[in-house]
Amino acid sequence: MKTIIQQVVLELVKKITEKAYSGGINDIDALASDVLQDCKSAAVSVIEAICADMNVQIRKDKTRRKELGLTLKDKDRPRELLTEIGKLQLSRDYYHDKQNDRYISPLDHVIGIRPYERVGGMLCAKMVSLATEVSYAKSTAICSDGLVSRQTVKNQIQKIRTLEKAPQRDEKKGVAELHIYADEDHVHMQKPNKKKGKSSNIIPLVTVTEGMYRECSGRNRTIGTMHFVDEKFDTKNLWKSVEGYLGQAYDLSKVEKIFVHGDGGRWIKNGLENLRQTIHVMDGYHLEKRLRGISNKFPGRNISSRLTRAIEKEDKRGFEEVLDGLYAVAESEKEVKSIKELGIYVMGSWDEIVGRKTLDIPSSCTEAQVSHVLSERFSRDPLGWSKEGLGKLSKLRVYVKNGGKITAEDFKQKSQHTYCEYADKVIEEAMSGAIDWTVFDGEPFVFDGNSGTQRLIHGIGMTKNTFWN
């Protein structure tokens, strides 16, 4: 193995220097790209050689294999593993485990390959992480040059365990106010057997913040943002997760008010009902949209301003009088229906709407949160989702948006402890005096000081700073 690794390294150095001094240095960006591929190819060869050596070492270790009840059945079974540096061609011996009556490859346990794994964990983590932002096809094209199918990316999303971002601080924060924004995204679903009609699903989203600050003119940014969705779209479990986070991240005894901003939906009104500090307020976007809508149907009557004044004065009777006046002049069933819908909406959420207009609270951003966190990936383009895929990927996207990082460990199942100690021993023995680095000391690269390149470099050095100042 030593000879193979030394040969690979020396060959790599030779390739790089030959490319550089044969004109490649004139386009250093292209040279760097070529060298990167050479380095990846060399790394693949080195790793394959190390794995082959470990496999032989296990084969020769008959005494310890006998203690574990491993009987050699087949030599050098091929296995491929696609990694970030390329495809590894591995040869492993196959053994019969008498104690557990099954067939295994000890080398797989030594190098940490999962059963039936064909794509490395780090590469899977990158593809899944990128799939929260772009399509499966783009994810595999960027991460694996298209060597992995879109279905594989989807399968890895299904396999990964549920991830939840924990609070970053050990001690709980003491803040006076919290602002929570709740809304939902409407996503197109796949239709079995291409059935006609529309099929959609709602993804409820809850965003916990500590308020807002003005980043620049016309742009605000939330503070301490944490997003929540439920993989099964269950709003009760969603609010339980939010309550759990609030109790873990904040000292609730110091929190005086928790404002929940929403559009008046029933699932939003039921949120955080166990916390005494909870105050529900109407989302400004949805309220203004309703007021503008009715005002546009009855132009020239200053309807929006009159209704707003009634809300600000908490004058429910005055609001009803404005609506009664609209009933009197309505000319079509469509206009009557619009008036009724506005009345039901406002009277059904009167306290929340008054709170929006009278309380000293920051502007609402429920629609912006939904657009940024969910719509950008799930509903803005003409896509069709399965329920399971939508649940898993929306959960992963929120995890990444919250600052979480998907790693190879998130794909691994529980290890086979039977062979852990054996695997560690194999690696320890393989590393002990594995490489004699002195081989490189005997062959230093000699530069030709009289070459044209060296004379040019020497000449530039003699000019000191004359040209560069």
Protein backbone atom coordinates (compact mmCIF):
# COMPACT_ATOMS: atom_id res chain seq x y z
CA MET A 1 0.00 0.00 0.00
CA LYS A 2 2.86 2.38 0.84
CA THR A 3 4.26 2.08 -2.68
CA ILE A 4 0.85 2.70 -4.26
CA ILE A 5 0.14 5.83 -2.22
CA GLN A 6 3.62 7.23 -2.79
CA GLN A 7 3.28 6.57 -6.51
CA VAL A 8 -0.11 8.34 -6.64
CA VAL A 9 1.21 11.39 -4.79
CA LEU A 10 4.35 11.68 -6.92
CA GLU A 11 2.30 11.26 -10.08
CA LEU A 12 -0.05 14.03 -8.93
CA VAL A 13 2.85 16.43 -8.28
CA LYS A 14 4.29 15.59 -11.69
CA LYS A 15 0.96 16.27 -13.43
CA ILE A 16 0.53 19.63 -11.72
CA THR A 17 4.04 20.86 -12.49
CA GLU A 18 3.89 19.67 -16.10
CA LYS A 19 0.58 21.47 -16.67
CA ALA A 20 1.83 24.63 -14.99
CA TYR A 21 5.12 24.84 -16.90
CA SER A 22 3.67 23.82 -20.26
CA GLY A 23 1.62 27.02 -20.51
CA GLY A 24 -1.14 26.30 -18.00
CA ILE A 25 0.09 29.03 -15.66
CA ASN A 26 -0.97 31.59 -18.29
CA ASP A 27 -4.61 30.82 -17.40
CA ILE A 28 -4.41 30.10 -13.70
CA ASP A 29 -8.18 29.81 -13.29
CA ALA A 30 -8.39 27.01 -15.87
CA LEU A 31 -5.28 25.43 -14.38
CA ALA A 32 -6.86 25.43 -10.91
CA SER A 33 -9.93 23.67 -12.29
CA ASP A 34 -7.81 20.98 -13.97
CA VAL A 35 -5.69 20.53 -10.84
CA LEU A 36 -8.82 20.14 -8.71
CA GLN A 37 -9.97 17.23 -10.87
CA ASP A 38 -6.51 15.67 -10.69
CA CYS A 39 -6.51 16.02 -6.91
CA LYS A 40 -9.93 14.39 -6.66
CA SER A 41 -8.82 11.51 -8.87
CA ALA A 42 -5.66 11.05 -6.79
CA ALA A 43 -7.66 11.15 -3.56
CA VAL A 44 -9.98 8.45 -4.90
CA SER A 45 -6.99 6.24 -5.72
CA VAL A 46 -5.46 6.75 -2.26
CA ILE A 47 -8.70 5.97 -0.42
CA GLU A 48 -9.30 2.87 -2.55
CA ALA A 49 -5.77 1.66 -1.77
CA ILE A 50 -6.22 2.23 1.98
CA CYS A 51 -9.54 0.36 1.99
CA ALA A 52 -8.03 -2.51 0.00
CA ASP A 53 -5.18 -2.75 2.50
CA MET A 54 -7.60 -2.83 5.45
CA ASN A 55 -9.61 -5.56 3.72
CA VAL A 56 -6.48 -7.70 3.37
CA GLN A 57 -5.57 -6.99 6.98
CA ILE A 58 -8.97 -8.28 8.14
CA ARG A 59 -8.54 -11.37 5.94
CA LYS A 60 -5.19 -12.18 7.54
CA ASP A 61 -6.44 -11.63 11.08
CA LYS A 62 -7.78 -15.19 11.46
CA THR A 63 -7.42 -15.37 15.24
CA ARG A 64 -9.65 -12.42 16.01
CA ARG A 65 -12.15 -13.34 13.29
CA LYS A 66 -12.46 -16.77 14.83
CA GLU A 67 -13.32 -15.19 18.19
CA LEU A 68 -16.10 -13.20 16.50
CA GLY A 69 -17.35 -16.24 14.61
CA LEU A 70 -16.60 -14.85 11.13
CA THR A 71 -15.93 -17.34 8.32
CA LEU A 72 -14.63 -16.14 4.95
CA LYS A 73 -17.08 -16.91 2.14
CA ASP A 74 -16.17 -14.68 -0.76
CA LYS A 75 -13.17 -12.47 -1.59
CA ASP A 76 -13.07 -9.01 -3.15
CA ARG A 77 -16.74 -8.41 -3.72
CA PRO A 78 -17.04 -5.07 -5.58
CA ARG A 79 -19.03 -2.17 -4.20
CA GLU A 80 -19.38 1.41 -5.44
CA LEU A 81 -19.82 4.49 -3.28
CA LEU A 82 -20.38 7.94 -4.77
CA THR A 83 -18.73 10.65 -2.66
CA GLU A 84 -17.92 14.33 -3.00
CA ILE A 85 -14.55 13.54 -4.59
CA GLY A 86 -15.90 10.95 -7.02
CA LYS A 87 -16.95 7.32 -7.26
CA LEU A 88 -15.03 4.87 -5.08
CA GLN A 89 -14.56 1.32 -6.37
CA LEU A 90 -14.20 -0.80 -3.23
CA SER A 91 -13.30 -4.49 -2.88
CA ARG A 92 -14.50 -6.18 0.30
CA ASP A 93 -14.50 -9.73 1.57
CA TYR A 94 -17.76 -11.35 2.54
CA TYR A 95 -18.06 -13.37 5.76
CA HIS A 96 -20.61 -15.58 7.48
CA ASP A 97 -21.41 -14.44 11.01
CA LYS A 98 -22.08 -17.72 12.84
CA GLN A 99 -23.17 -16.05 16.06
CA ASN A 100 -25.99 -14.09 14.38
CA ASP A 101 -26.44 -16.38 11.34
CA ARG A 102 -26.04 -13.70 8.71
CA TYR A 103 -23.61 -12.55 6.03
CA ILE A 104 -21.63 -9.37 6.52
CA SER A 105 -18.64 -7.41 5.28
CA PRO A 106 -16.50 -6.26 8.26
CA LEU A 107 -14.83 -3.63 6.07
CA ASP A 108 -18.18 -1.84 5.73
CA HIS A 109 -18.30 -1.45 9.52
CA VAL A 110 -14.67 -0.32 9.61
CA ILE A 111 -15.16 2.47 7.05
CA GLY A 112 -18.71 3.35 8.16
CA ILE A 113 -20.80 2.41 5.12
CA ARG A 114 -24.50 1.80 5.73
CA PRO A 115 -26.19 -1.32 4.29
CA TYR A 116 -27.15 -0.83 0.64
CA GLU A 117 -25.62 2.64 0.66
CA ARG A 118 -24.56 3.82 -2.76
CA VAL A 119 -24.24 7.55 -2.09
CA GLY A 120 -22.03 8.92 0.69
CA GLY A 121 -23.58 10.65 3.69
CA MET A 122 -21.85 13.99 3.10
CA LEU A 123 -23.03 14.08 -0.50
CA CYS A 124 -26.56 13.16 0.61
CA ALA A 125 -26.48 15.96 3.18
CA LYS A 126 -25.46 18.50 0.54
CA MET A 127 -28.09 17.35 -1.95
CA VAL A 128 -30.91 17.35 0.61
CA SER A 129 -29.84 20.71 1.98
CA LEU A 130 -29.79 22.19 -1.52
CA ALA A 131 -33.14 20.53 -2.34
CA THR A 132 -34.75 22.75 0.29
CA GLU A 133 -33.92 25.69 -2.01
CA VAL A 134 -34.08 24.29 -5.56
CA SER A 135 -35.60 21.34 -7.43
CA TYR A 136 -34.35 17.78 -7.04
CA ALA A 137 -32.92 17.90 -10.57
CA LYS A 138 -30.90 21.06 -9.90
CA SER A 139 -29.71 19.67 -6.59
CA THR A 140 -28.23 16.53 -8.13
CA ALA A 141 -26.82 18.49 -11.08
CA ILE A 142 -24.94 20.87 -8.77
CA CYS A 143 -23.77 18.35 -6.17
CA SER A 144 -23.08 15.22 -8.25
CA ASP A 145 -22.89 16.41 -11.87
CA GLY A 146 -26.14 14.54 -12.49
CA LEU A 147 -24.75 11.13 -11.48
CA VAL A 148 -27.53 10.78 -8.91
CA SER A 149 -31.17 10.63 -10.01
CA ARG A 150 -33.91 12.94 -8.78
CA GLN A 151 -35.61 9.92 -7.22
CA THR A 152 -32.51 9.29 -5.11
CA VAL A 153 -32.66 12.82 -3.74
CA LYS A 154 -36.31 12.30 -2.87
CA ASN A 155 -35.53 8.94 -1.23
CA GLN A 156 -32.85 10.52 0.94
CA ILE A 157 -35.32 13.19 2.06
CA GLN A 158 -37.69 10.43 3.14
CA LYS A 159 -34.93 8.58 5.00
CA ILE A 160 -33.55 11.46 7.04
CA ARG A 161 -34.66 11.69 10.63
CA THR A 162 -36.82 14.58 11.84
CA LEU A 163 -34.62 17.58 12.63
CA GLU A 164 -35.49 20.38 15.05
CA LYS A 165 -33.34 23.45 15.68
CA ALA A 166 -32.70 23.92 19.39
CA PRO A 167 -32.23 27.34 21.05
CA GLN A 168 -28.65 28.56 20.66
CA ARG A 169 -28.25 29.80 24.23
CA ASP A 170 -28.18 27.75 27.42
CA GLU A 171 -29.71 30.41 29.64
CA LYS A 172 -33.21 31.65 28.91
CA LYS A 173 -33.75 35.12 27.49
CA GLY A 174 -35.66 37.72 29.44
CA VAL A 175 -37.68 39.90 27.07
CA ALA A 176 -40.81 41.98 27.70
CA GLU A 177 -42.61 41.22 24.44
CA LEU A 178 -42.76 38.49 21.84
CA HIS A 179 -44.43 38.76 18.45
CA ILE A 180 -45.62 35.58 16.75
CA TYR A 181 -46.78 35.55 13.13
CA ALA A 182 -49.09 32.75 11.97
CA ASP A 183 -50.35 32.09 8.46
CA GLU A 184 -50.46 29.29 5.90
CA ASP A 185 -49.34 28.52 2.38
CA HIS A 186 -51.58 26.80 -0.17
CA VAL A 187 -49.68 24.18 -2.15
CA HIS A 188 -50.75 22.22 -5.24
CA MET A 189 -50.79 18.46 -4.72
CA GLN A 190 -50.31 15.58 -7.11
CA LYS A 191 -53.53 13.97 -8.36
CA PRO A 192 -53.62 10.14 -8.55
CA ASN A 193 -54.28 8.78 -12.05
CA LYS A 194 -54.26 12.37 -13.36
CA LYS A 195 -57.73 13.11 -12.06
CA LYS A 196 -59.30 16.37 -13.21
CA GLY A 197 -59.72 19.34 -10.90
CA LYS A 198 -57.51 21.12 -8.43
CA SER A 199 -56.02 19.51 -5.34
CA SER A 200 -54.26 21.59 -2.71
CA ASN A 201 -52.92 21.31 0.81
CA ILE A 202 -52.35 23.91 3.51
CA ILE A 203 -49.01 24.24 5.32
CA PRO A 204 -49.47 26.21 8.55
CA LEU A 205 -46.43 28.33 9.48
CA VAL A 206 -45.69 29.97 12.82
CA THR A 207 -42.81 32.43 13.21
CA VAL A 208 -41.58 33.47 16.66
CA THR A 209 -39.76 36.82 16.92
CA GLU A 210 -38.71 39.35 19.54
CA GLY A 211 -39.98 42.25 17.45
CA MET A 212 -38.51 44.24 14.57
CA TYR A 213 -35.88 46.84 13.85
CA ARG A 214 -35.47 49.17 10.90
CA GLU A 215 -32.61 47.93 8.74
CA CYS A 216 -32.87 50.73 6.19
CA SER A 217 -35.51 52.98 4.66
CA GLY A 218 -38.57 50.91 3.83
CA ARG A 219 -37.07 47.66 5.13
CA ASN A 220 -37.54 46.05 8.53
CA ARG A 221 -35.99 42.89 9.91
CA THR A 222 -37.30 40.59 12.62
CA ILE A 223 -35.25 39.84 15.75
CA GLY A 224 -34.52 36.35 17.08
CA THR A 225 -36.54 34.65 14.35
CA MET A 226 -37.52 30.97 14.65
CA HIS A 227 -39.91 29.24 12.23
CA PHE A 228 -42.16 26.22 12.88
CA VAL A 229 -44.13 23.81 10.71
CA ASP A 230 -45.54 20.37 11.44
CA GLU A 231 -44.60 17.44 9.23
CA LYS A 232 -48.18 16.12 9.39
CA PHE A 233 -49.74 19.62 9.10
CA ASP A 234 -51.34 19.15 12.53
CA THR A 235 -51.93 22.62 14.01
CA LYS A 236 -52.31 21.30 17.58
CA ASN A 237 -48.89 19.67 17.46
CA LEU A 238 -47.55 22.78 15.77
CA TRP A 239 -48.64 25.03 18.67
CA LYS A 240 -47.28 22.48 21.16
CA SER A 241 -43.88 22.77 19.48
CA VAL A 242 -44.08 26.56 19.68
CA GLU A 243 -45.01 26.44 23.37
CA GLY A 244 -42.16 24.04 24.05
CA TYR A 245 -39.70 26.35 22.32
CA LEU A 246 -40.94 29.42 24.20
CA GLY A 247 -40.55 27.62 27.51
CA GLN A 248 -37.03 26.49 26.62
CA ALA A 249 -35.75 29.71 25.03
CA TYR A 250 -37.40 32.43 27.16
CA ASP A 251 -38.02 33.16 30.81
CA LEU A 252 -41.81 33.40 30.50
CA SER A 253 -42.13 34.94 33.96
CA LYS A 254 -40.47 38.07 32.52
CA VAL A 255 -42.50 38.10 29.28
CA GLU A 256 -45.37 40.55 29.77
CA LYS A 257 -47.12 40.20 26.39
CA ILE A 258 -47.11 37.67 23.57
CA PHE A 259 -48.78 39.11 20.48
CA VAL A 260 -50.06 36.54 17.98
CA HIS A 261 -50.56 38.12 14.54
CA GLY A 262 -52.94 36.26 12.21
CA ASP A 263 -55.71 36.54 9.66
CA GLY A 264 -58.46 35.41 12.03
CA GLY A 265 -58.31 31.71 11.14
CA ARG A 266 -59.67 29.32 13.76
CA TRP A 267 -56.40 27.41 14.14
CA ILE A 268 -54.58 30.69 14.81
CA LYS A 269 -57.09 31.85 17.43
CA ASN A 270 -56.59 28.55 19.27
CA GLY A 271 -52.84 29.09 19.47
CA LEU A 272 -51.05 29.59 22.81
CA GLU A 273 -54.33 29.60 24.70
CA ASN A 274 -52.53 28.16 27.74
CA LEU A 275 -50.31 31.23 28.13
CA ARG A 276 -51.87 34.14 30.03
CA GLN A 277 -49.76 36.74 28.20
CA THR A 278 -51.25 35.87 24.80
CA ILE A 279 -52.93 38.71 22.90
CA HIS A 280 -54.35 37.99 19.44
CA VAL A 281 -54.23 40.80 16.89
CA MET A 282 -55.31 40.93 13.27
CA ASP A 283 -52.67 40.86 10.60
CA GLY A 284 -52.59 44.29 8.96
CA TYR A 285 -52.27 42.98 5.39
CA HIS A 286 -55.46 40.91 5.48
CA LEU A 287 -57.47 43.65 7.20
CA GLU A 288 -56.44 46.38 4.76
CA LYS A 289 -57.08 44.03 1.84
CA ARG A 290 -60.68 43.58 3.00
CA LEU A 291 -61.22 47.30 3.57
CA ARG A 292 -59.77 48.24 0.18
CA GLY A 293 -61.89 45.58 -1.50
CA ILE A 294 -65.19 46.95 -0.19
CA SER A 295 -64.07 50.53 -0.84
CA ASN A 296 -63.35 49.72 -4.51
CA LYS A 297 -66.86 48.31 -4.92
CA PHE A 298 -68.39 51.57 -3.67
CA PRO A 299 -66.10 54.33 -5.04
CA GLY A 300 -66.47 57.95 -3.98
CA ARG A 301 -67.98 57.18 -0.58
CA ASN A 302 -64.77 57.18 1.52
CA ILE A 303 -65.78 53.77 2.91
CA SER A 304 -62.33 52.57 4.00
CA SER A 305 -61.62 55.70 6.08
CA ARG A 306 -65.06 55.62 7.74
CA LEU A 307 -64.71 51.96 8.69
CA THR A 308 -61.17 52.52 9.96
CA ARG A 309 -62.29 55.43 12.18
CA ALA A 310 -65.05 53.26 13.67
CA ILE A 311 -62.49 50.53 14.46
CA GLU A 312 -60.03 52.99 16.03
CA LYS A 313 -62.81 54.39 18.25
CA GLU A 314 -63.88 50.81 19.12
CA ASP A 315 -67.34 51.86 17.87
CA LYS A 316 -68.94 48.60 16.79
CA ARG A 317 -72.32 50.28 16.31
CA GLY A 318 -70.77 52.93 14.08
CA PHE A 319 -69.17 50.21 11.97
CA GLU A 320 -72.54 48.48 11.56
CA GLU A 321 -74.14 51.76 10.52
CA VAL A 322 -71.65 52.17 7.70
CA LEU A 323 -72.48 48.64 6.50
CA ASP A 324 -76.23 49.36 6.75
CA GLY A 325 -75.69 52.37 4.52
CA LEU A 326 -73.96 50.15 1.97
CA TYR A 327 -76.83 47.66 2.01
CA ALA A 328 -79.19 50.50 1.09
CA VAL A 329 -77.26 51.42 -2.06
CA ALA A 330 -76.14 47.93 -3.13
CA GLU A 331 -77.30 47.21 -6.68
CA SER A 332 -76.40 43.54 -7.14
CA GLU A 333 -76.28 40.27 -5.26
CA LYS A 334 -72.49 40.31 -5.60
CA GLU A 335 -72.25 43.63 -3.74
CA VAL A 336 -74.63 42.40 -1.02
CA LYS A 337 -72.53 39.25 -0.63
CA SER A 338 -69.32 41.32 -0.26
CA ILE A 339 -70.91 43.47 2.47
CA LYS A 340 -72.10 40.39 4.37
CA GLU A 341 -68.68 38.73 4.15
CA LEU A 342 -66.96 41.86 5.47
CA GLY A 343 -69.44 42.13 8.35
CA ILE A 344 -69.00 38.48 9.36
CA TYR A 345 -65.21 38.77 9.10
CA VAL A 346 -64.91 41.95 11.18
CA MET A 347 -67.52 41.09 13.82
CA GLY A 348 -66.05 37.60 14.21
CA SER A 349 -62.60 39.06 14.95
CA TRP A 350 -63.56 42.46 16.41
CA ASP A 351 -61.16 42.39 19.38
CA GLU A 352 -58.23 41.30 17.19
CA ILE A 353 -58.99 44.02 14.63
CA VAL A 354 -59.32 46.73 17.29
CA GLY A 355 -56.01 45.56 18.75
CA ARG A 356 -54.33 46.01 15.38
CA LYS A 357 -55.51 49.62 15.12
CA THR A 358 -55.14 50.72 18.76
CA LEU A 359 -52.18 48.88 20.29
CA ASP A 360 -48.59 50.09 19.99
CA ILE A 361 -47.22 47.12 18.05
CA PRO A 362 -45.00 46.75 14.98
CA SER A 363 -46.43 46.18 11.55
CA SER A 364 -47.38 42.63 10.66
CA CYS A 365 -45.35 40.45 8.29
CA THR A 366 -47.23 37.16 8.14
CA GLU A 367 -47.45 37.18 4.33
CA ALA A 368 -43.76 38.02 4.00
CA GLN A 369 -42.80 35.11 6.26
CA VAL A 370 -44.93 32.66 4.28
CA SER A 371 -43.53 33.96 1.00
CA HIS A 372 -39.92 33.75 2.17
CA VAL A 373 -40.07 30.45 4.06
CA LEU A 374 -42.63 28.37 2.11
CA SER A 375 -43.98 29.87 -1.13
CA GLU A 376 -40.56 30.43 -2.65
CA ARG A 377 -40.02 26.66 -2.78
CA PHE A 378 -43.44 25.02 -2.69
CA SER A 379 -46.15 27.10 -4.35
CA ARG A 380 -44.70 29.90 -6.44
CA ASP A 381 -43.88 27.64 -9.39
CA PRO A 382 -46.31 25.15 -11.02
CA LEU A 383 -45.28 22.15 -8.93
CA GLY A 384 -47.22 19.14 -7.66
CA TRP A 385 -46.33 17.53 -4.33
CA SER A 386 -47.06 14.31 -2.52
CA LYS A 387 -48.26 14.74 1.05
CA GLU A 388 -45.33 12.83 2.54
CA GLY A 389 -42.72 14.62 0.43
CA LEU A 390 -44.24 18.01 1.19
CA GLY A 391 -44.27 17.32 4.92
CA LYS A 392 -40.66 16.11 5.09
CA LEU A 393 -39.19 18.81 2.84
CA SER A 394 -41.10 21.69 4.45
CA LYS A 395 -39.78 20.55 7.84
CA LEU A 396 -36.23 20.37 6.47
CA ARG A 397 -36.52 23.77 4.78
CA VAL A 398 -37.64 25.36 8.04
CA TYR A 399 -34.75 23.63 9.85
CA VAL A 400 -32.26 25.13 7.38
CA LYS A 401 -33.94 28.57 7.53
CA ASN A 402 -33.58 28.46 11.31
CA GLY A 403 -29.83 28.07 10.93
CA GLY A 404 -29.64 24.28 11.15
CA LYS A 405 -27.09 22.31 9.14
CA ILE A 406 -27.85 18.90 7.64
CA THR A 407 -24.93 16.49 8.15
CA ALA A 408 -24.05 12.92 7.23
CA GLU A 409 -24.85 11.82 10.79
CA ASP A 410 -28.52 12.69 10.24
CA PHE A 411 -28.82 9.80 7.75
CA LYS A 412 -27.11 7.14 9.84
CA GLN A 413 -28.96 4.45 11.67
CA LYS A 414 -27.86 3.01 14.99
CA SER A 415 -24.44 1.42 14.64
CA GLN A 416 -23.81 -2.31 14.93
CA HIS A 417 -22.07 -2.31 18.31
CA THR A 418 -20.96 -5.92 17.85
CA TYR A 419 -18.16 -4.83 15.53
CA CYS A 420 -17.38 -1.33 16.79
CA GLU A 421 -14.43 -2.40 18.94
CA TYR A 422 -13.09 -4.59 16.15
CA ALA A 423 -13.38 -1.75 13.65
CA ASP A 424 -11.48 0.64 15.92
CA LYS A 425 -8.72 -1.94 16.35
CA VAL A 426 -8.35 -2.43 12.61
CA ILE A 427 -8.06 1.31 12.02
CA GLU A 428 -5.55 1.72 14.85
CA GLU A 429 -3.30 -1.02 13.47
CA ALA A 430 -3.62 0.30 9.93
CA MET A 431 -2.56 3.79 11.02
CA SER A 432 0.42 2.59 13.04
CA GLY A 433 3.42 3.35 10.84
CA ALA A 434 1.29 3.16 7.73
CA ILE A 435 3.14 5.79 5.70
CA ASP A 436 6.84 6.49 5.47
CA TRP A 437 6.89 10.15 4.49
CA THR A 438 10.68 10.19 4.11
CA VAL A 439 10.22 8.92 0.57
CA PHE A 440 9.33 12.48 -0.44
CA ASP A 441 12.38 13.98 1.24
CA GLY A 442 14.71 12.15 -1.12
CA GLU A 443 13.24 13.59 -4.30
CA PRO A 444 13.00 17.38 -3.97
CA PHE A 445 11.78 19.20 -7.03
CA VAL A 446 14.68 21.02 -8.69
CA PHE A 447 13.87 24.24 -10.46
CA ASP A 448 15.97 25.22 -13.47
CA GLY A 449 17.32 28.61 -12.47
CA ASN A 450 18.40 29.36 -16.05
CA SER A 451 14.99 28.69 -17.56
CA GLY A 452 13.08 31.53 -19.18
CA THR A 453 10.39 31.38 -16.51
CA GLN A 454 12.88 31.62 -13.63
CA ARG A 455 14.75 34.52 -15.27
CA LEU A 456 11.42 36.35 -15.69
CA ILE A 457 10.49 35.80 -12.02
CA HIS A 458 13.97 36.92 -10.93
CA GLY A 459 13.67 40.03 -13.10
CA ILE A 460 10.30 40.97 -11.58
CA GLY A 461 11.79 40.55 -8.12
CA MET A 462 14.68 42.91 -8.97
CA THR A 463 12.23 45.66 -9.94
CA LYS A 464 10.98 45.70 -6.33
CA ASN A 465 8.01 48.06 -6.15
CA THR A 466 8.73 50.17 -9.20
CA PHE A 467 5.85 48.83 -11.29
CA TRP A 468 3.37 48.20 -8.53
CA ASN A 469 3.24 51.58 -6.72
